Every structure is written in C-alpha cells, then in structure tokens.
Amino acid sequence: MEAQMAGMGYFSAPFERFIRDEASDWAGAFTLLDTMETYFDSRIDLLQRQIQKHSDRLKMKAEGALKKRAQSGDFFTENFDREIKNFKLKVSGRMQSLVTSWQSAKVVRTREKVSFFFGVMSVLVSALLFGMAPDWIHVAYTLQGLYLLPLRAYTYKKRLWHYFLFDLCYYVTILNFIYIWFLPSSPALFVACYCLSHGSLASAVITWRNSLVFHDSDKVTSLFIHIYAPFTFTVIRHFYPNAQERFPALAQLPHLNPGQALLLSGVIYLIWQLLYWKFVLVDRRTKIVSGQRTTSFSWLLNDKRGKIGQMIAKVRPERRVPSFMVGQFVYSILTELPAVYLLYDSPRWSGTFLILIFAVSVWNGGGYYIEVFGRKFERELEALRNELAVNNHRSGRSSPSLTDGGSIGNSPAIPTTSLPSLDAELNPLLDDKKEL
C-alpha cells in the first residue's frame, strides 16, 4: 500500500507540478486577457459614449427638426384656419349686406310701383274726367294735392330740403285752393291764379326740366304742381259746364284787361317775394350760407351747367340776390303774356299750350329712362363685372392644394370657380346698353 501510495506519490508529484504549472500558465494568460479586456473595454466604452453622444445630438436635431416641422405645420394650419374663418366672416357680412340691400331695395321697388300706378292712373283719370266730367277736374286737382303736397313736405323736411317749400309754385298752389273752395267769387284772385298758373308754374316745366317719370314720386309731384294748375284753370275757363254758377268771378271777366291782369298778378307775386326775402333770405341767411339748408337760389347758383346758374355766377356776390329777385319778377311777367293776350280767349290755343307743356315733360321723362336710368343700370353692371374680376384674380392667388382641388389634412377641397357664365352673361348686357 505504501509502495502503491509511494508509487502514486511518485507519479503524483510531477503531475501536480504539471498541473500547477499549467494552472499558473492559464492564470497568466487570464491576466493578459484581463489586461486586453480592460484596454479594449475602455476604448469600446469611450467609443460607445462618443457614439451615444453623437446619437443624442442627432436625436436632439431630429427632434428639433420634427418640432419645427410640426410648428410650421401648425402655423400653416392655423393660418389656413384663420383665412377660412375670415372668408366665412366676409361671406357672412356680404350675405347680410345683400339681405339688407334686398330688403331696402324691395321697399324702394314697392314705393316705386305705387308711384308708377298713381302716376299712370292720374293721367288716365284726368283724361277721362276731361272728356266725360270736366266739372270734376278741380276736385281731382284738390284730392291729388291733399295727398302729394303733405308727402312732399314730409320728405323734404326729412332731407333738409324744406326751404324749397317756400318757392312760388307752392304759394300759387295754396292760392288756387283758396280760390276754388273759399273765394270763387273774387275776380282779382281768379285773375292772379290764372295768370300765375299759366305763367311761372307752367313754364317751370321747361325751366326746371320736369319729367314724366312715373316710378319717381318726387318727379310726379313736381310735374303735378306745375302742370295740373294750368290744366285746372283752363278747364274752368273754357270747358267747365255752366262755370259761372260754380265760379261766379267768371261772370265779371268775359275778357282780360292786360294791364290790370299783369298788375294784379304782379302784386300777388311781390307779396310772395317780400315774404320769401324776409323769412328765408334774411332770417335764415346763416343756415343757407353755411350750407345747412338749400334754397332754389343756392341750387341754381351751384348748377354750373344751367344757363341761369352761369348768369348768376357772373354777377358780383353782393348783388346776386337782388339781381336774382329782379330777374324772377321779369321772368314771371314775361311768361304771363301768352295767357293774358292769347290763352284766355282761345280754347284751341289753350289746349295746344297744355299739349306742348305735357309733351316737354314726356320728352324729358323719355330722356331720363333712356339716358339717366339706362346709364345707372350700365354702371351697376360694370361694377358687378369688376367685382367678379377682382374675385377671380384673388382666387388665382390661392395655394396650389386649393386650386388643384386637393385638401389639407382632413379639410375638404375648396373649389375656386370664377363664375365665367355670369361674366359672359354680363358682357352682352353691357354691349346692349352701350349701343343704346
């Protein structure tokens, strides 16, 4: 056993040495590996940290780019939403203005229809009464005056034109009603009303260019004031059956004395002229000079295209009012001469005179409808076409995604039609108006 153990010991000692030496060799190898691992690990760790640093930097740049892109996208979206909101507000405001305009235009059209109906029926009824019942002409004159004159006073007061109501035509109209209903037996008042109605009032149709424009109540009223008075007194003088019973003054006036007739009408005129000078040109001079109120004199003075305005403008400022008053008086006397010397004794010439005055008003009305009204309609069409052109130009500047029919995000595509059909329809209308 000992020998065996000795033998084993014999053999074990070198083996152990071998094993120990081998272990020591592997331990040395492990030490080298540890050294290499430590070296390379440090280098790898440094490289990894550099890579991580660059990766973090790249990540931060990427996040910044994405953030900027998101911000730019949000800004574009916000800007687009703002534009859409402004567009909706503009469309809403436009629709509201159109509704308001439509309602106001509807009211205006209704008023114009009433005026047109009244004007046409007035001409028709007056013609029928003249042929069938001339003794009702003065009644028709009074009824229309009771409707039109208060309406004129209301509208002129509202527009601050009420100083026109002090003009001679209203003064004579009131005198006519006083004679017809209160003093039909006064020869002096009849002569004054007859001469002034056939003089200053009738000639004003030519001087003031009164027009037979049925849809315009203001023009209908002006024509009524200036033409219905001579028409009524012509009927009373020549066509009224048994006129001396209803108007006893005619029994004392088979013929007119020219001097006496011009004197009476001149005195009535001077009474009005003094009242007008005192209460308008003197007491209210400050408002007239400042432009707060307008009178027939100031209107004529500012009318540079009219002959009367051109003549007044040539006079020195301090002499304009007296010159105008004298000119009005001379004009009134001159326009009464046909009535005094011709119309009072001749039914035929009286009828011719009325037809002439009425024809002038019809001619002026035709000129208004063809020229003034037509040009106004042409300007409206031109303005509408320009507005369409501006809208088309603006729509051409929109973003490509809109003009191409695309969409942004989930927003639906917004078409940008240029309404060519409507523009094409406007061109023939404008061409037709230009031919007119």
Protein backbone atom coordinates (compact mmCIF):
# COMPACT_ATOMS: atom_id res chain seq x y z
CA MET A 1 0.00 0.00 0.00
CA GLU A 2 2.71 2.33 0.99
CA ALA A 3 4.59 1.20 -2.02
CA GLN A 4 1.46 1.88 -4.01
CA MET A 5 0.98 5.14 -2.39
CA ALA A 6 4.64 5.81 -2.79
CA GLY A 7 4.30 4.92 -6.42
CA MET A 8 1.27 7.12 -6.68
CA GLY A 9 3.12 9.83 -4.91
CA TYR A 10 5.87 9.35 -7.22
CA PHE A 11 3.65 9.81 -10.07
CA SER A 12 1.51 12.42 -8.42
CA ALA A 13 4.17 14.90 -7.64
CA PRO A 14 5.18 15.58 -11.19
CA PHE A 15 1.54 15.64 -12.22
CA GLU A 16 0.72 18.12 -9.56
CA ARG A 17 3.63 20.15 -10.65
CA PHE A 18 2.48 19.91 -14.13
CA ILE A 19 -0.94 20.82 -13.12
CA ARG A 20 0.25 23.70 -11.05
CA ASP A 21 2.49 24.95 -13.76
CA GLU A 22 -0.33 24.63 -16.27
CA ALA A 23 -2.66 26.43 -13.95
CA SER A 24 -0.13 29.14 -13.47
CA ASP A 25 0.26 29.42 -17.22
CA TRP A 26 -3.53 29.76 -17.73
CA ALA A 27 -3.64 32.27 -14.90
CA GLY A 28 -1.02 34.33 -16.68
CA ALA A 29 -3.00 34.04 -19.84
CA PHE A 30 -6.12 35.18 -18.00
CA THR A 31 -4.18 38.13 -16.65
CA LEU A 32 -3.23 39.12 -20.21
CA LEU A 33 -6.77 38.70 -21.34
CA ASP A 34 -7.96 40.82 -18.46
CA THR A 35 -5.48 43.47 -19.43
CA MET A 36 -6.59 43.34 -23.05
CA GLU A 37 -10.22 43.31 -22.00
CA THR A 38 -9.64 46.26 -19.75
CA TYR A 39 -7.88 48.11 -22.53
CA PHE A 40 -10.37 47.36 -25.19
CA ASP A 41 -13.30 47.77 -22.82
CA SER A 42 -12.14 51.28 -22.03
CA ARG A 43 -11.73 52.02 -25.69
CA ILE A 44 -15.05 50.43 -26.53
CA ASP A 45 -16.72 52.25 -23.65
CA LEU A 46 -15.22 55.54 -24.86
CA LEU A 47 -16.36 54.78 -28.38
CA GLN A 48 -19.78 53.82 -27.14
CA ARG A 49 -20.03 57.05 -25.17
CA GLN A 50 -18.96 59.05 -28.23
CA ILE A 51 -21.48 57.18 -30.35
CA GLN A 52 -24.14 57.76 -27.69
CA LYS A 53 -23.20 61.44 -27.59
CA HIS A 54 -23.49 61.73 -31.35
CA SER A 55 -26.67 59.68 -31.22
CA ASP A 56 -28.13 62.01 -28.60
CA ARG A 57 -27.06 65.01 -30.66
CA LEU A 58 -28.60 63.54 -33.78
CA LYS A 59 -31.68 62.66 -31.81
CA MET A 60 -31.95 66.21 -30.50
CA LYS A 61 -31.51 67.59 -34.01
CA ALA A 62 -34.11 65.21 -35.30
CA GLU A 63 -36.50 66.15 -32.51
CA GLY A 64 -35.83 69.85 -33.19
CA ALA A 65 -36.43 69.38 -36.88
CA LEU A 66 -39.59 67.46 -36.20
CA LYS A 67 -40.69 70.08 -33.72
CA LYS A 68 -40.00 72.88 -36.20
CA ARG A 69 -41.80 70.94 -38.87
CA ALA A 70 -44.71 70.38 -36.54
CA GLN A 71 -44.68 74.06 -35.61
CA SER A 72 -44.56 75.10 -39.24
CA GLY A 73 -47.38 72.69 -39.98
CA ASP A 74 -49.35 74.07 -37.04
CA PHE A 75 -48.63 77.59 -38.23
CA PHE A 76 -49.77 76.74 -41.75
CA THR A 77 -52.85 75.02 -40.41
CA GLU A 78 -53.54 77.91 -38.07
CA ASN A 79 -53.02 80.41 -40.88
CA PHE A 80 -55.28 78.41 -43.15
CA ASP A 81 -57.94 78.18 -40.45
CA ARG A 82 -57.66 81.91 -39.92
CA GLU A 83 -58.10 82.54 -43.63
CA ILE A 84 -61.09 80.23 -43.75
CA LYS A 85 -62.57 82.00 -40.74
CA ASN A 86 -62.02 85.42 -42.31
CA PHE A 87 -63.51 84.15 -45.55
CA LYS A 88 -66.57 82.89 -43.70
CA LEU A 89 -66.90 86.22 -41.93
CA LYS A 90 -66.63 88.08 -45.23
CA VAL A 91 -69.21 85.81 -46.81
CA SER A 92 -71.50 86.23 -43.83
CA GLY A 93 -71.12 90.01 -43.91
CA ARG A 94 -71.66 90.02 -47.64
CA MET A 95 -74.81 87.96 -47.29
CA GLN A 96 -76.06 90.23 -44.53
CA SER A 97 -75.43 93.32 -46.64
CA LEU A 98 -77.15 91.65 -49.56
CA VAL A 99 -80.15 90.81 -47.38
CA THR A 100 -80.27 94.39 -46.12
CA SER A 101 -79.92 95.76 -49.62
CA TRP A 102 -82.56 93.36 -50.86
CA GLN A 103 -84.97 94.40 -48.16
CA SER A 104 -84.33 98.10 -48.71
CA ALA A 105 -84.48 97.60 -52.47
CA LYS A 106 -87.72 95.70 -52.01
CA VAL A 107 -89.19 98.63 -50.11
CA VAL A 108 -87.95 101.03 -52.77
CA ARG A 109 -89.44 98.88 -55.53
CA THR A 110 -92.75 98.75 -53.73
CA ARG A 111 -92.78 102.53 -53.34
CA GLU A 112 -91.84 102.96 -56.99
CA LYS A 113 -94.62 100.60 -58.04
CA VAL A 114 -97.12 102.64 -56.03
CA SER A 115 -95.80 105.84 -57.57
CA PHE A 116 -95.95 104.34 -61.06
CA PHE A 117 -99.51 103.16 -60.50
CA PHE A 118 -100.57 106.53 -59.12
CA GLY A 119 -98.93 108.47 -61.95
CA VAL A 120 -100.41 106.39 -64.75
CA MET A 121 -103.86 106.31 -63.17
CA SER A 122 -103.70 110.08 -62.63
CA VAL A 123 -103.11 110.66 -66.34
CA LEU A 124 -105.85 108.21 -67.30
CA VAL A 125 -108.42 109.50 -64.84
CA SER A 126 -107.64 113.12 -65.74
CA ALA A 127 -108.16 112.37 -69.44
CA LEU A 128 -111.43 110.55 -68.73
CA LEU A 129 -112.67 113.33 -66.48
CA PHE A 130 -111.77 115.95 -69.07
CA GLY A 131 -113.83 114.13 -71.70
CA MET A 132 -116.72 112.87 -69.57
CA ALA A 133 -116.99 115.07 -66.47
CA PRO A 134 -114.87 118.26 -66.65
CA ASP A 135 -116.70 119.67 -63.66
CA TRP A 136 -114.75 117.14 -61.54
CA ILE A 137 -111.30 118.28 -62.63
CA HIS A 138 -110.91 120.76 -59.78
CA VAL A 139 -111.94 118.00 -57.34
CA ALA A 140 -109.25 115.68 -58.76
CA TYR A 141 -106.77 118.55 -58.50
CA THR A 142 -107.61 119.07 -54.84
CA LEU A 143 -107.56 115.39 -53.88
CA GLN A 144 -104.20 114.78 -55.51
CA GLY A 145 -102.83 117.93 -53.89
CA LEU A 146 -104.01 116.78 -50.46
CA TYR A 147 -102.04 113.57 -50.95
CA LEU A 148 -98.90 114.76 -52.76
CA LEU A 149 -98.20 118.06 -51.01
CA PRO A 150 -98.07 116.71 -47.42
CA LEU A 151 -95.94 113.84 -48.71
CA ARG A 152 -93.63 116.34 -50.37
CA ALA A 153 -93.41 118.39 -47.16
CA TYR A 154 -92.55 115.27 -45.12
CA THR A 155 -89.86 114.01 -47.49
CA TYR A 156 -88.29 117.43 -47.98
CA LYS A 157 -88.21 118.08 -44.24
CA LYS A 158 -86.55 114.72 -43.72
CA ARG A 159 -83.90 115.55 -46.33
CA LEU A 160 -83.47 119.13 -45.07
CA TRP A 161 -84.83 120.48 -48.36
CA HIS A 162 -87.87 122.11 -46.79
CA TYR A 163 -86.75 125.62 -47.78
CA PHE A 164 -87.85 124.69 -51.30
CA LEU A 165 -91.40 124.65 -49.95
CA PHE A 166 -91.29 128.45 -49.76
CA ASP A 167 -90.97 128.73 -53.55
CA LEU A 168 -93.56 130.43 -55.72
CA CYS A 169 -95.17 127.24 -57.03
CA TYR A 170 -96.38 126.18 -53.56
CA TYR A 171 -97.56 129.71 -52.84
CA VAL A 172 -99.62 129.74 -56.04
CA THR A 173 -100.97 126.24 -55.39
CA ILE A 174 -102.29 127.33 -51.98
CA LEU A 175 -103.86 130.42 -53.59
CA ASN A 176 -105.52 128.17 -56.19
CA PHE A 177 -107.12 126.04 -53.48
CA ILE A 178 -108.23 129.15 -51.61
CA TYR A 179 -109.92 130.48 -54.73
CA ILE A 180 -111.55 127.16 -55.70
CA TRP A 181 -113.02 126.34 -52.31
CA PHE A 182 -113.25 129.61 -50.38
CA LEU A 183 -113.30 132.65 -52.71
CA PRO A 184 -114.75 131.57 -56.08
CA SER A 185 -116.45 134.97 -56.40
CA SER A 186 -113.22 137.01 -56.30
CA PRO A 187 -112.28 138.27 -59.80
CA ALA A 188 -108.93 139.62 -58.62
CA LEU A 189 -107.89 136.31 -57.09
CA PHE A 190 -109.06 134.40 -60.17
CA VAL A 191 -107.03 136.64 -62.49
CA ALA A 192 -103.93 136.27 -60.32
CA CYS A 193 -104.31 132.48 -60.07
CA TYR A 194 -104.99 132.11 -63.81
CA CYS A 195 -102.02 134.26 -64.87
CA LEU A 196 -99.54 132.78 -62.39
CA SER A 197 -100.64 129.20 -63.16
CA HIS A 198 -100.21 129.70 -66.90
CA GLY A 199 -97.07 131.77 -66.40
CA SER A 200 -94.46 130.84 -63.79
CA LEU A 201 -95.87 127.40 -62.95
CA ALA A 202 -96.40 126.14 -66.48
CA SER A 203 -93.10 127.50 -67.79
CA ALA A 204 -91.26 125.81 -64.90
CA VAL A 205 -91.82 122.50 -66.71
CA ILE A 206 -89.33 123.79 -69.27
CA THR A 207 -87.12 125.81 -66.93
CA TRP A 208 -86.75 123.16 -64.25
CA ARG A 209 -86.91 120.25 -66.72
CA ASN A 210 -89.84 118.48 -65.11
CA SER A 211 -90.05 114.89 -66.29
CA LEU A 212 -92.91 112.44 -66.61
CA VAL A 213 -91.20 109.64 -64.71
CA PHE A 214 -93.99 107.54 -63.26
CA HIS A 215 -91.96 105.44 -60.83
CA ASP A 216 -90.38 108.51 -59.14
CA SER A 217 -92.85 110.09 -56.71
CA ASP A 218 -90.72 113.24 -56.42
CA LYS A 219 -90.83 113.86 -60.16
CA VAL A 220 -94.53 113.01 -60.31
CA THR A 221 -95.22 115.54 -57.55
CA SER A 222 -93.19 118.27 -59.25
CA LEU A 223 -94.97 117.70 -62.56
CA PHE A 224 -98.36 117.70 -60.81
CA ILE A 225 -97.65 121.06 -59.15
CA HIS A 226 -96.57 122.73 -62.38
CA ILE A 227 -98.95 121.25 -64.95
CA TYR A 228 -102.18 120.47 -63.11
CA ALA A 229 -102.78 124.09 -62.07
CA PRO A 230 -102.91 125.48 -65.65
CA PHE A 231 -104.87 122.39 -66.69
CA THR A 232 -107.49 123.02 -64.00
CA PHE A 233 -107.87 126.74 -64.75
CA THR A 234 -108.03 126.06 -68.48
CA VAL A 235 -110.90 123.67 -67.84
CA ILE A 236 -112.62 126.19 -65.56
CA ARG A 237 -112.25 128.95 -68.14
CA HIS A 238 -113.12 127.07 -71.35
CA PHE A 239 -114.56 123.59 -70.72
CA TYR A 240 -116.42 123.71 -67.42
CA PRO A 241 -120.21 123.41 -67.97
CA ASN A 242 -122.06 126.40 -66.51
CA ALA A 243 -118.84 127.65 -64.95
CA GLN A 244 -120.34 130.94 -63.83
CA GLU A 245 -122.62 129.11 -61.39
CA ARG A 246 -119.77 127.34 -59.65
CA PHE A 247 -117.24 130.16 -60.09
CA PRO A 248 -119.14 133.48 -60.11
CA ALA A 249 -115.98 135.51 -60.74
CA LEU A 250 -116.10 134.43 -64.40
CA ALA A 251 -119.27 136.43 -64.95
CA GLN A 252 -117.27 139.62 -64.39
CA LEU A 253 -114.36 138.51 -66.58
CA PRO A 254 -115.52 137.81 -70.15
CA HIS A 255 -112.14 139.17 -71.25
CA LEU A 256 -108.94 140.14 -69.50
CA ASN A 257 -107.62 143.65 -69.31
CA PRO A 258 -103.88 143.05 -69.93
CA GLY A 259 -102.64 145.90 -67.79
CA GLN A 260 -104.97 145.10 -64.93
CA ALA A 261 -104.21 141.37 -65.13
CA LEU A 262 -100.46 141.89 -65.08
CA LEU A 263 -100.80 144.39 -62.22
CA LEU A 264 -102.87 142.03 -60.08
CA SER A 265 -100.62 139.07 -60.69
CA GLY A 266 -97.57 141.30 -60.15
CA VAL A 267 -98.87 142.49 -56.76
CA ILE A 268 -99.54 138.90 -55.65
CA TYR A 269 -96.08 137.96 -56.83
CA LEU A 270 -94.42 140.86 -54.98
CA ILE A 271 -96.19 139.88 -51.74
CA TRP A 272 -94.68 136.43 -52.02
CA GLN A 273 -91.27 137.85 -52.98
CA LEU A 274 -91.12 140.12 -49.91
CA LEU A 275 -92.20 137.31 -47.59
CA TYR A 276 -89.62 135.00 -49.12
CA TRP A 277 -86.87 137.59 -48.81
CA LYS A 278 -87.70 138.33 -45.16
CA PHE A 279 -88.28 134.84 -43.75
CA VAL A 280 -85.80 132.88 -45.86
CA LEU A 281 -83.03 135.06 -47.26
CA VAL A 282 -82.72 137.29 -44.18
CA ASP A 283 -83.90 135.40 -41.10
CA ARG A 284 -82.25 132.13 -42.18
CA ARG A 285 -79.29 133.53 -44.01
CA THR A 286 -76.77 131.90 -41.64
CA LYS A 287 -78.01 128.39 -42.32
CA ILE A 288 -78.10 128.99 -46.05
CA VAL A 289 -74.60 130.48 -46.22
CA SER A 290 -73.17 127.66 -44.08
CA GLY A 291 -74.71 125.07 -46.38
CA GLN A 292 -77.02 123.57 -43.75
CA ARG A 293 -80.06 124.44 -45.87
CA THR A 294 -80.58 124.67 -49.60
CA THR A 295 -82.88 127.04 -51.47
CA SER A 296 -83.78 127.31 -55.13
CA PHE A 297 -81.42 130.29 -55.41
CA SER A 298 -78.43 128.43 -53.92
CA TRP A 299 -79.25 125.38 -56.01
CA LEU A 300 -79.32 127.41 -59.22
CA LEU A 301 -76.11 129.17 -58.21
CA ASN A 302 -74.32 125.85 -57.75
CA ASP A 303 -75.67 124.47 -61.02
CA LYS A 304 -72.74 125.32 -63.26
CA ARG A 305 -74.26 123.56 -66.28
CA GLY A 306 -77.51 125.55 -66.27
CA LYS A 307 -77.82 128.87 -68.05
CA ILE A 308 -79.35 130.55 -65.02
CA GLY A 309 -76.53 129.39 -62.77
CA GLN A 310 -73.93 130.57 -65.26
CA MET A 311 -75.53 134.02 -65.46
CA ILE A 312 -75.81 134.33 -61.66
CA ALA A 313 -72.17 133.29 -61.23
CA LYS A 314 -71.08 136.24 -63.40
CA VAL A 315 -72.71 138.74 -61.02
CA ARG A 316 -70.78 140.04 -58.03
CA PRO A 317 -71.68 138.17 -54.80
CA GLU A 318 -73.24 141.19 -53.04
CA ARG A 319 -75.59 141.78 -55.99
CA ARG A 320 -76.60 138.22 -56.73
CA VAL A 321 -79.70 138.07 -54.53
CA PRO A 322 -81.21 141.40 -55.73
CA SER A 323 -80.39 140.51 -59.33
CA PHE A 324 -81.99 137.13 -58.95
CA MET A 325 -85.15 138.61 -57.42
CA VAL A 326 -85.49 141.19 -60.20
CA GLY A 327 -84.84 138.52 -62.81
CA GLN A 328 -87.54 136.30 -61.30
CA PHE A 329 -90.06 139.12 -61.38
CA VAL A 330 -89.31 139.95 -65.02
CA TYR A 331 -89.45 136.26 -65.90
CA SER A 332 -92.84 135.92 -64.19
CA ILE A 333 -94.31 138.86 -66.13
CA LEU A 334 -92.94 137.65 -69.47
CA THR A 335 -94.31 134.13 -69.05
CA GLU A 336 -97.77 135.50 -68.30
CA LEU A 337 -98.04 137.39 -71.59
CA PRO A 338 -99.29 134.39 -73.65
CA ALA A 339 -102.02 133.73 -71.07
CA VAL A 340 -103.13 137.36 -71.00
CA TYR A 341 -103.11 138.04 -74.72
CA LEU A 342 -103.89 134.63 -76.23
CA LEU A 343 -104.88 131.75 -73.99
CA TYR A 344 -107.68 133.37 -72.01
CA ASP A 345 -109.81 133.94 -75.11
CA SER A 346 -108.94 130.82 -77.13
CA PRO A 347 -109.81 127.24 -76.09
CA ARG A 348 -107.83 125.91 -79.06
CA TRP A 349 -104.63 127.74 -78.16
CA SER A 350 -105.12 126.81 -74.51
CA GLY A 351 -105.32 123.14 -75.48
CA THR A 352 -102.25 123.49 -77.71
CA PHE A 353 -100.35 125.16 -74.88
CA LEU A 354 -101.16 122.31 -72.47
CA ILE A 355 -100.20 119.67 -75.04
CA LEU A 356 -96.90 121.46 -75.63
CA ILE A 357 -96.08 121.62 -71.92
CA PHE A 358 -97.09 117.99 -71.42
CA ALA A 359 -95.02 116.93 -74.46
CA VAL A 360 -91.95 118.60 -72.96
CA SER A 361 -92.41 116.64 -69.73
CA VAL A 362 -92.85 113.40 -71.68
CA TRP A 363 -89.71 114.12 -73.69
CA ASN A 364 -87.76 114.80 -70.51
CA GLY A 365 -89.12 111.61 -68.98
CA GLY A 366 -88.06 109.60 -72.02
CA GLY A 367 -84.60 111.11 -71.77
CA TYR A 368 -84.44 110.13 -68.12
CA TYR A 369 -85.39 106.50 -68.78
CA ILE A 370 -83.09 106.10 -71.78
CA GLU A 371 -80.09 108.14 -70.64
CA VAL A 372 -80.05 108.57 -66.86
CA PHE A 373 -81.76 105.34 -65.84
CA GLY A 374 -80.00 103.34 -68.56
CA ARG A 375 -76.57 104.68 -67.62
CA LYS A 376 -77.23 103.93 -63.98
CA PHE A 377 -78.08 100.33 -64.88
CA GLU A 378 -74.94 100.15 -67.03
CA ARG A 379 -72.77 101.39 -64.16
CA GLU A 380 -74.27 98.77 -61.86
CA LEU A 381 -73.50 96.01 -64.37
CA GLU A 382 -69.97 97.34 -64.83
CA ALA A 383 -69.42 97.42 -61.07
CA LEU A 384 -70.68 93.85 -60.78
CA ARG A 385 -68.37 92.66 -63.54
CA ASN A 386 -65.39 94.42 -61.94
CA GLU A 387 -66.21 92.75 -58.63
CA LEU A 388 -66.30 89.36 -60.33
CA ALA A 389 -62.95 90.09 -61.99
CA VAL A 390 -61.39 91.02 -58.65
CA ASN A 391 -62.73 87.85 -57.03
CA ASN A 392 -61.40 85.76 -59.90
CA HIS A 393 -57.99 87.43 -59.58
CA ARG A 394 -57.90 86.74 -55.85
CA SER A 395 -58.90 83.12 -56.33
CA GLY A 396 -56.00 82.67 -58.77
CA ARG A 397 -53.53 83.53 -55.96
CA SER A 398 -54.68 80.80 -53.60
CA SER A 399 -52.48 77.85 -52.58
CA PRO A 400 -51.82 75.05 -55.09
CA SER A 401 -53.50 72.50 -52.88
CA LEU A 402 -56.69 74.54 -53.14
CA THR A 403 -56.56 75.43 -56.79
CA ASP A 404 -55.73 71.85 -57.73
CA GLY A 405 -58.75 70.61 -55.90
CA GLY A 406 -56.72 68.94 -53.17
CA SER A 407 -57.13 69.17 -49.42
CA ILE A 408 -55.07 69.88 -46.37
CA GLY A 409 -55.31 67.29 -43.67
CA ASN A 410 -58.91 66.26 -43.33
CA SER A 411 -60.22 69.54 -44.74
CA PRO A 412 -62.37 69.18 -47.84
CA ALA A 413 -61.21 70.64 -51.09
CA ILE A 414 -62.35 74.19 -51.74
CA PRO A 415 -63.21 74.82 -55.38
CA THR A 416 -62.24 78.17 -56.85
CA THR A 417 -64.78 78.74 -59.58
CA SER A 418 -64.51 82.00 -61.46
CA LEU A 419 -68.17 82.25 -62.45
CA PRO A 420 -67.42 82.55 -66.18
CA SER A 421 -71.04 82.01 -67.10
CA LEU A 422 -72.23 85.03 -65.12
CA ASP A 423 -69.47 87.19 -66.55
CA ALA A 424 -70.38 86.01 -70.01
CA GLU A 425 -73.97 86.97 -69.38
CA LEU A 426 -72.96 90.46 -68.24
CA ASN A 427 -70.98 91.27 -71.39
CA PRO A 428 -73.97 91.18 -73.77
CA LEU A 429 -75.96 93.34 -71.38
CA LEU A 430 -73.20 95.93 -71.24
CA ASP A 431 -72.82 95.83 -75.01
CA ASP A 432 -76.55 96.36 -75.44
CA LYS A 433 -76.52 99.32 -73.04
CA LYS A 434 -73.57 100.86 -74.88
CA GLU A 435 -75.49 100.57 -78.13
CA LEU A 436 -78.37 102.45 -76.52
